[in-house]
Amino acid sequence: MKSIGCYIHIPFCESICSYCDFCKNFYNEKQVDAYLKELEREIEDSYSKLPIDTLYIGGGTPSSLNIKQLEKLFEIINKKLDLSILKEFTIECNFENTTIEKINLFKKAGINRISFGLESINGDILKILERDANKENITKLINYCNQIGINNVNIDLMYAIPNETLKILEDDLDFILSLNINHISTYSLILEDHTKLKINNIKYIDEELDAKMYELICSKLENWDHYEISNFAKHKSYRSNHNLKYWHNEEYYGFGLGSSGYEGNIRYTKTKSLSKYLSGDYINKDSIEYLSPKDKIYYDIILNLRTKEGIDLEKFSKIYKKNLKDYYDYTDLVKNNLLIEKDNHLSIKEDLWYISNSIIIRFLEGEVTNE
């Protein structure tokens, strides 16, 4: 039987970071209680009963919810969703509001993967990001996760932040590598509209320094499985199966305020208005995208080329009844060593991932017209 991924959005935070453009609201106990009731109704209304194999609770900051609210969230999930074949269950957390009691609850609820937002441990950088970090608390929480058997832990690292140096980044990496974790996600700062950094007219760092920072990260993590442009697993078994669904252009439900989903030939994003959501008006009709076969191929290309394995050419031909070369002429890109065609896969060389966007644009320019 077909299975599917599932993303649930918890849009509440105890503080709003200066760089964040995700759908979020300040934590308010009564609002959270109302939100969880509406989330249960939304799932009842729109869940099509497919068994879920990966489940990801993101935010916002899911760990900002109190124990009672987290228990309610897990009750909804277990009561309303088919988790009979669930393999990976992830929750996003901040170290600042995660406690031993909450980690015990996560374990009891069946969570087997925790993704912690750290971003940096440098005091000056944390001030810019409007975040906090305590090395002793971080180490304590990571050790406890491993102690009780949640050993698939990810840490998010942000770089290319104003005033950041290679030395600051290296110190961040050294600290993260000193922890007993099995996954690291890295993100170059993006100055999104409506964020405090963009409003305050903060500028990007020099592009050459950004490239050197990415190179430093890849070098420090050279013994890790660099399976996607921004993601590293200590071993292949610790890859994020849920995020791989996104990069493999596979289907997933989206539940909750501002969540995105992909079902059948439809991509959608739910409303970002909390008042609309709480009134039962979930769908942002302007966001609905009905995909043609050509659209699906487009997503297959731009998403799969972010990964180490790239595009599975045999799988592609089975799905679309033609070879990829019937749709796109990428001969010159292979000839110029920008793409590797090997073992029925087409991928971008890892040492060129930093310029992958320009390679993908050139790939898409090679569309074959059948007139």
Protein backbone atom coordinates (compact mmCIF):
# COMPACT_ATOMS: atom_id res chain seq x y z
CA MET A 1 0.00 0.00 0.00
CA LYS A 2 1.13 3.52 -0.76
CA SER A 3 2.58 5.53 2.15
CA ILE A 4 3.25 9.24 2.55
CA GLY A 5 5.15 11.75 4.67
CA CYS A 6 3.49 14.23 7.02
CA TYR A 7 4.51 17.71 8.21
CA ILE A 8 2.73 19.41 11.14
CA HIS A 9 3.42 23.08 11.85
CA ILE A 10 3.43 24.57 15.34
CA PRO A 11 3.63 28.35 14.75
CA PHE A 12 4.48 29.54 18.27
CA CYS A 13 7.72 30.92 19.69
CA GLU A 14 8.70 32.47 23.01
CA SER A 15 10.76 35.05 21.11
CA ILE A 16 11.09 36.01 17.44
CA CYS A 17 14.58 35.64 15.94
CA SER A 18 15.86 38.50 13.79
CA TYR A 19 16.36 36.32 10.69
CA CYS A 20 13.16 34.24 10.81
CA ASP A 21 10.46 34.53 8.14
CA PHE A 22 8.65 31.29 9.01
CA CYS A 23 4.99 31.40 9.97
CA LYS A 24 5.12 32.17 13.70
CA ASN A 25 3.38 33.94 16.59
CA PHE A 26 4.39 34.80 20.13
CA TYR A 27 3.48 32.01 22.51
CA ASN A 28 0.10 32.52 24.17
CA GLU A 29 -1.32 29.66 26.22
CA LYS A 30 -4.97 30.22 25.27
CA GLN A 31 -4.09 30.65 21.58
CA VAL A 32 -2.08 27.43 21.60
CA ASP A 33 -5.00 25.53 23.18
CA ALA A 34 -7.37 26.91 20.52
CA TYR A 35 -4.85 26.11 17.79
CA LEU A 36 -4.54 22.47 18.84
CA LYS A 37 -8.33 22.07 18.75
CA GLU A 38 -8.41 23.50 15.22
CA LEU A 39 -5.46 21.34 14.16
CA GLU A 40 -7.43 18.27 15.21
CA ARG A 41 -10.42 19.44 13.15
CA GLU A 42 -8.22 20.15 10.13
CA ILE A 43 -6.72 16.66 10.24
CA GLU A 44 -10.21 15.15 10.57
CA ASP A 45 -11.37 17.15 7.53
CA SER A 46 -8.45 16.61 5.17
CA TYR A 47 -6.51 13.46 6.10
CA SER A 48 -7.03 10.86 3.35
CA LYS A 49 -6.04 7.92 5.58
CA LEU A 50 -2.80 6.94 3.84
CA PRO A 51 -0.32 5.37 6.28
CA ILE A 52 2.45 7.76 7.28
CA ASP A 53 6.09 6.64 7.16
CA THR A 54 7.80 9.92 8.16
CA LEU A 55 6.33 12.52 10.51
CA TYR A 56 7.93 15.91 11.15
CA ILE A 57 6.71 18.46 13.70
CA GLY A 58 8.24 21.83 12.84
CA GLY A 59 7.77 25.49 13.61
CA GLY A 60 7.90 28.00 15.01
CA THR A 61 9.18 26.27 18.09
CA PRO A 62 7.27 23.09 19.01
CA SER A 63 9.27 22.84 22.25
CA SER A 64 7.73 26.16 23.38
CA LEU A 65 4.51 24.28 24.16
CA ASN A 66 4.02 23.22 27.77
CA ILE A 67 3.80 19.58 28.84
CA LYS A 68 0.00 19.47 28.80
CA GLN A 69 -0.12 20.98 25.31
CA LEU A 70 2.53 18.59 24.00
CA GLU A 71 0.55 15.67 25.43
CA LYS A 72 -2.54 16.97 23.61
CA LEU A 73 -0.57 17.28 20.36
CA PHE A 74 0.67 13.69 20.60
CA GLU A 75 -2.83 12.49 21.49
CA ILE A 76 -4.20 14.11 18.30
CA ILE A 77 -1.42 12.58 16.21
CA ASN A 78 -1.93 9.07 17.60
CA LYS A 79 -5.72 9.25 17.45
CA LYS A 80 -6.13 10.79 13.99
CA LEU A 81 -3.21 9.49 11.89
CA ASP A 82 -2.27 5.99 10.71
CA LEU A 83 1.22 5.51 12.17
CA SER A 84 1.33 1.73 11.70
CA ILE A 85 4.42 1.89 9.47
CA LEU A 86 6.02 5.05 10.89
CA LYS A 87 9.81 4.87 10.60
CA GLU A 88 10.99 8.37 11.47
CA PHE A 89 9.32 10.80 13.89
CA THR A 90 11.07 14.17 14.23
CA ILE A 91 10.38 17.21 16.39
CA GLU A 92 12.12 20.59 16.17
CA CYS A 93 13.33 22.09 19.45
CA ASN A 94 15.26 24.99 20.87
CA PHE A 95 17.73 24.26 23.64
CA GLU A 96 16.41 27.23 25.63
CA ASN A 97 12.96 25.72 26.24
CA THR A 98 13.65 21.99 26.05
CA THR A 99 13.71 20.21 29.41
CA ILE A 100 14.45 16.68 30.61
CA GLU A 101 10.72 16.29 31.27
CA LYS A 102 9.89 17.21 27.67
CA ILE A 103 12.52 14.84 26.27
CA ASN A 104 11.03 12.01 28.37
CA LEU A 105 7.62 12.87 26.91
CA PHE A 106 9.07 12.85 23.36
CA LYS A 107 10.47 9.37 23.97
CA LYS A 108 7.14 8.14 25.34
CA ALA A 109 5.33 9.58 22.29
CA GLY A 110 7.55 7.61 19.90
CA ILE A 111 9.81 10.41 18.69
CA ASN A 112 13.11 8.96 17.47
CA ARG A 113 14.72 12.09 15.98
CA ILE A 114 15.18 15.59 17.45
CA SER A 115 16.34 18.60 15.45
CA PHE A 116 17.80 21.35 17.64
CA GLY A 117 18.19 24.91 16.36
CA LEU A 118 21.56 26.17 17.59
CA GLU A 119 22.77 28.49 14.78
CA SER A 120 25.93 29.60 16.66
CA ILE A 121 27.58 29.63 20.08
CA ASN A 122 29.40 32.93 19.54
CA GLY A 123 28.03 35.69 21.79
CA ASP A 124 28.32 38.48 19.22
CA ILE A 125 26.66 36.41 16.50
CA LEU A 126 23.88 35.34 18.86
CA LYS A 127 23.13 39.01 19.60
CA ILE A 128 22.70 39.68 15.88
CA LEU A 129 20.39 36.65 15.53
CA GLU A 130 18.59 37.48 18.81
CA ARG A 131 19.25 33.98 20.10
CA ASP A 132 20.84 32.48 23.20
CA ALA A 133 23.06 29.45 23.82
CA ASN A 134 24.48 27.79 26.91
CA LYS A 135 27.18 25.19 26.21
CA GLU A 136 26.63 23.34 29.48
CA ASN A 137 22.87 23.03 28.94
CA ILE A 138 23.33 21.99 25.29
CA THR A 139 25.75 19.22 26.25
CA LYS A 140 23.48 18.04 29.08
CA LEU A 141 20.40 17.78 26.82
CA ILE A 142 22.28 16.03 23.99
CA ASN A 143 23.78 13.50 26.43
CA TYR A 144 20.35 12.83 27.92
CA CYS A 145 18.82 12.22 24.47
CA ASN A 146 21.49 9.60 23.81
CA GLN A 147 21.10 8.13 27.29
CA ILE A 148 17.39 7.36 26.77
CA GLY A 149 17.83 6.10 23.20
CA ILE A 150 17.01 9.15 21.04
CA ASN A 151 20.37 9.03 19.31
CA ASN A 152 19.31 10.52 15.99
CA VAL A 153 19.91 14.17 16.87
CA ASN A 154 20.42 17.00 14.39
CA ILE A 155 21.87 20.44 15.05
CA ASP A 156 21.22 23.42 12.79
CA LEU A 157 24.22 25.67 12.12
CA MET A 158 23.87 29.06 10.45
CA TYR A 159 26.80 30.85 8.80
CA ALA A 160 27.60 33.86 6.59
CA ILE A 161 26.27 36.18 9.30
CA PRO A 162 27.39 39.84 9.39
CA ASN A 163 30.70 40.23 11.28
CA GLU A 164 31.28 36.46 11.30
CA THR A 165 34.82 35.30 10.58
CA LEU A 166 36.18 31.92 9.51
CA LYS A 167 37.55 31.55 13.06
CA ILE A 168 34.09 32.05 14.59
CA LEU A 169 32.62 29.48 12.21
CA GLU A 170 35.42 27.02 12.97
CA ASP A 171 34.81 27.41 16.72
CA ASP A 172 31.10 26.73 16.16
CA LEU A 173 31.92 23.61 14.16
CA ASP A 174 34.44 22.37 16.73
CA PHE A 175 31.86 22.70 19.50
CA ILE A 176 29.18 20.90 17.47
CA LEU A 177 31.64 18.12 16.62
CA SER A 178 32.44 17.71 20.32
CA LEU A 179 28.81 16.70 20.91
CA ASN A 180 27.50 13.17 20.49
CA ILE A 181 25.23 13.87 17.49
CA ASN A 182 24.72 12.17 14.15
CA HIS A 183 23.41 14.90 11.84
CA ILE A 184 24.26 18.52 11.03
CA SER A 185 22.24 20.92 8.84
CA THR A 186 24.00 24.08 7.68
CA TYR A 187 22.38 27.24 6.35
CA SER A 188 23.88 30.35 4.81
CA LEU A 189 21.98 33.37 6.13
CA ILE A 190 19.22 34.57 3.79
CA LEU A 191 17.87 38.07 4.37
CA GLU A 192 14.14 37.47 3.93
CA ASP A 193 11.55 40.23 3.56
CA HIS A 194 9.76 41.31 6.76
CA THR A 195 12.54 40.03 9.04
CA LYS A 196 14.27 42.33 11.53
CA LEU A 197 17.61 41.96 9.74
CA LYS A 198 16.12 42.97 6.37
CA ILE A 199 14.14 45.84 7.90
CA ASN A 200 17.35 47.08 9.58
CA ASN A 201 19.05 47.08 6.18
CA ILE A 202 21.68 44.47 7.12
CA LYS A 203 23.82 43.48 4.13
CA TYR A 204 25.12 40.10 2.97
CA ILE A 205 28.74 39.24 3.67
CA ASP A 206 31.25 39.17 0.83
CA GLU A 207 30.44 36.36 -1.62
CA GLU A 208 34.03 35.12 -1.58
CA LEU A 209 33.93 34.78 2.23
CA ASP A 210 30.59 32.97 1.98
CA ALA A 211 32.20 30.47 -0.41
CA LYS A 212 35.18 30.01 1.90
CA MET A 213 32.82 29.33 4.80
CA TYR A 214 31.01 26.63 2.83
CA GLU A 215 34.38 25.16 1.89
CA LEU A 216 35.43 25.16 5.56
CA ILE A 217 32.24 23.34 6.57
CA CYS A 218 32.75 20.68 3.90
CA SER A 219 36.38 20.28 4.92
CA LYS A 220 35.61 19.92 8.66
CA LEU A 221 32.89 17.38 7.86
CA GLU A 222 34.76 15.53 5.12
CA ASN A 223 34.34 12.19 6.90
CA TRP A 224 30.58 12.64 7.19
CA ASP A 225 28.01 11.60 4.58
CA HIS A 226 27.42 14.86 2.69
CA TYR A 227 24.19 13.65 1.12
CA GLU A 228 22.56 16.98 0.24
CA ILE A 229 24.00 20.44 -0.37
CA SER A 230 23.35 21.63 3.20
CA ASN A 231 23.10 18.35 5.11
CA PHE A 232 25.59 15.95 6.66
CA ALA A 233 24.97 12.62 8.40
CA LYS A 234 27.60 10.77 10.42
CA HIS A 235 26.42 7.63 8.65
CA LYS A 236 23.94 7.00 5.82
CA SER A 237 21.48 5.52 8.34
CA TYR A 238 21.17 8.95 10.02
CA ARG A 239 20.02 10.83 6.93
CA SER A 240 16.75 12.74 7.35
CA ASN A 241 14.23 10.47 5.65
CA HIS A 242 11.51 13.09 5.87
CA ASN A 243 13.58 15.80 4.20
CA LEU A 244 14.66 13.31 1.56
CA LYS A 245 11.00 13.15 0.57
CA TYR A 246 11.20 16.85 -0.31
CA TRP A 247 14.41 16.42 -2.30
CA HIS A 248 13.14 13.28 -4.06
CA ASN A 249 9.93 15.12 -4.99
CA GLU A 250 7.76 12.62 -3.09
CA GLU A 251 4.38 13.32 -1.56
CA TYR A 252 3.63 14.57 1.96
CA TYR A 253 0.71 16.02 3.88
CA GLY A 254 0.93 19.51 5.36
CA PHE A 255 -1.18 20.25 8.44
CA GLY A 256 -1.23 23.46 10.44
CA LEU A 257 -0.84 27.18 9.91
CA GLY A 258 1.39 28.02 6.92
CA SER A 259 2.27 24.36 6.27
CA SER A 260 3.00 23.15 2.75
CA GLY A 261 2.03 19.82 1.24
CA TYR A 262 2.23 17.86 -1.98
CA GLU A 263 -0.47 15.32 -2.83
CA GLY A 264 -1.14 13.77 -6.22
CA ASN A 265 -0.64 16.58 -8.74
CA ILE A 266 -1.26 19.40 -6.25
CA ARG A 267 1.19 21.51 -4.23
CA TYR A 268 -0.38 23.78 -1.63
CA THR A 269 0.35 26.05 1.33
CA LYS A 270 -2.11 26.61 4.17
CA THR A 271 -3.12 30.12 5.28
CA LYS A 272 -0.61 32.11 7.34
CA SER A 273 -3.37 34.07 9.09
CA LEU A 274 -3.95 32.68 12.57
CA SER A 275 -7.43 34.22 12.78
CA LYS A 276 -8.45 32.61 9.47
CA TYR A 277 -7.01 29.28 10.54
CA LEU A 278 -8.81 29.32 13.88
CA SER A 279 -12.08 30.02 12.03
CA GLY A 280 -11.57 26.88 9.91
CA ASP A 281 -10.40 28.67 6.75
CA TYR A 282 -7.26 26.58 6.20
CA ILE A 283 -6.42 26.72 2.51
CA ASN A 284 -4.65 29.63 0.88
CA LYS A 285 -6.33 29.30 -2.51
CA ASP A 286 -3.70 31.49 -4.21
CA SER A 287 -1.02 28.96 -3.24
CA ILE A 288 -2.58 25.94 -4.93
CA GLU A 289 -0.43 24.72 -7.81
CA TYR A 290 -1.84 22.08 -10.16
CA LEU A 291 1.10 20.25 -11.68
CA SER A 292 1.33 19.04 -15.26
CA PRO A 293 3.73 16.17 -16.09
CA LYS A 294 6.15 18.85 -17.31
CA ASP A 295 5.90 20.64 -13.93
CA LYS A 296 6.62 17.41 -12.07
CA ILE A 297 9.71 16.81 -14.19
CA TYR A 298 10.87 20.37 -13.41
CA TYR A 299 10.57 19.71 -9.67
CA ASP A 300 12.28 16.32 -10.05
CA ILE A 301 15.28 18.01 -11.62
CA ILE A 302 15.75 21.02 -9.34
CA LEU A 303 15.18 18.99 -6.14
CA ASN A 304 17.07 15.78 -6.93
CA LEU A 305 20.13 17.65 -8.19
CA ARG A 306 20.57 18.99 -4.64
CA THR A 307 21.48 15.47 -3.48
CA LYS A 308 24.61 13.35 -3.68
CA GLU A 309 22.88 10.65 -5.73
CA GLY A 310 21.17 13.16 -8.02
CA ILE A 311 18.52 12.00 -10.49
CA ASP A 312 17.83 8.27 -10.69
CA LEU A 313 17.60 7.92 -14.48
CA GLU A 314 16.03 4.44 -14.39
CA LYS A 315 13.34 5.56 -11.93
CA PHE A 316 12.73 8.69 -14.05
CA SER A 317 12.14 6.67 -17.23
CA LYS A 318 9.76 4.31 -15.41
CA ILE A 319 7.66 7.21 -14.13
CA TYR A 320 7.60 9.36 -17.28
CA LYS A 321 7.87 6.60 -19.94
CA LYS A 322 10.76 8.44 -21.61
CA ASN A 323 14.41 9.06 -20.87
CA LEU A 324 15.48 12.35 -19.30
CA LYS A 325 17.46 13.12 -22.47
CA ASP A 326 14.18 13.15 -24.38
CA TYR A 327 13.21 16.20 -22.31
CA TYR A 328 16.54 17.95 -21.68
CA ASP A 329 19.84 17.96 -23.55
CA TYR A 330 22.54 17.97 -20.87
CA THR A 331 25.33 16.51 -23.04
CA ASP A 332 27.58 19.59 -22.78
CA LEU A 333 27.22 19.74 -18.99
CA VAL A 334 28.50 16.17 -18.73
CA LYS A 335 31.24 16.84 -21.30
CA ASN A 336 32.40 19.88 -19.26
CA ASN A 337 32.38 17.86 -16.01
CA LEU A 338 29.63 19.96 -14.45
CA LEU A 339 27.42 16.88 -14.24
CA ILE A 340 28.37 13.26 -13.64
CA GLU A 341 26.45 10.48 -15.39
CA LYS A 342 27.31 7.23 -13.64
CA ASP A 343 25.53 4.03 -12.55
CA ASN A 344 22.22 5.25 -14.01
CA HIS A 345 22.34 8.46 -11.95
CA LEU A 346 22.92 12.07 -12.98
CA SER A 347 24.42 14.34 -10.32
CA ILE A 348 26.38 17.52 -9.72
CA LYS A 349 29.97 17.02 -8.54
CA GLU A 350 30.19 17.68 -4.82
CA ASP A 351 32.99 20.24 -5.24
CA LEU A 352 30.61 22.25 -7.48
CA TRP A 353 27.61 22.23 -5.13
CA TYR A 354 28.30 25.81 -4.12
CA ILE A 355 27.45 26.91 -7.69
CA SER A 356 24.72 24.29 -8.17
CA ASN A 357 22.03 26.90 -8.87
CA SER A 358 23.85 28.16 -11.95
CA ILE A 359 24.37 24.56 -13.16
CA ILE A 360 20.68 23.76 -12.70
CA ILE A 361 19.71 26.92 -14.63
CA ARG A 362 21.96 25.83 -17.52
CA PHE A 363 20.40 22.36 -17.35
CA LEU A 364 16.86 23.78 -17.63
CA GLU A 365 17.95 25.94 -20.58
CA GLY A 366 18.59 22.69 -22.46
CA GLU A 367 14.90 21.83 -22.66
CA VAL A 368 14.11 19.85 -25.81
CA THR A 369 11.21 21.33 -27.77
CA ASN A 370 8.95 18.86 -29.58
CA GLU A 371 7.37 21.02 -32.20
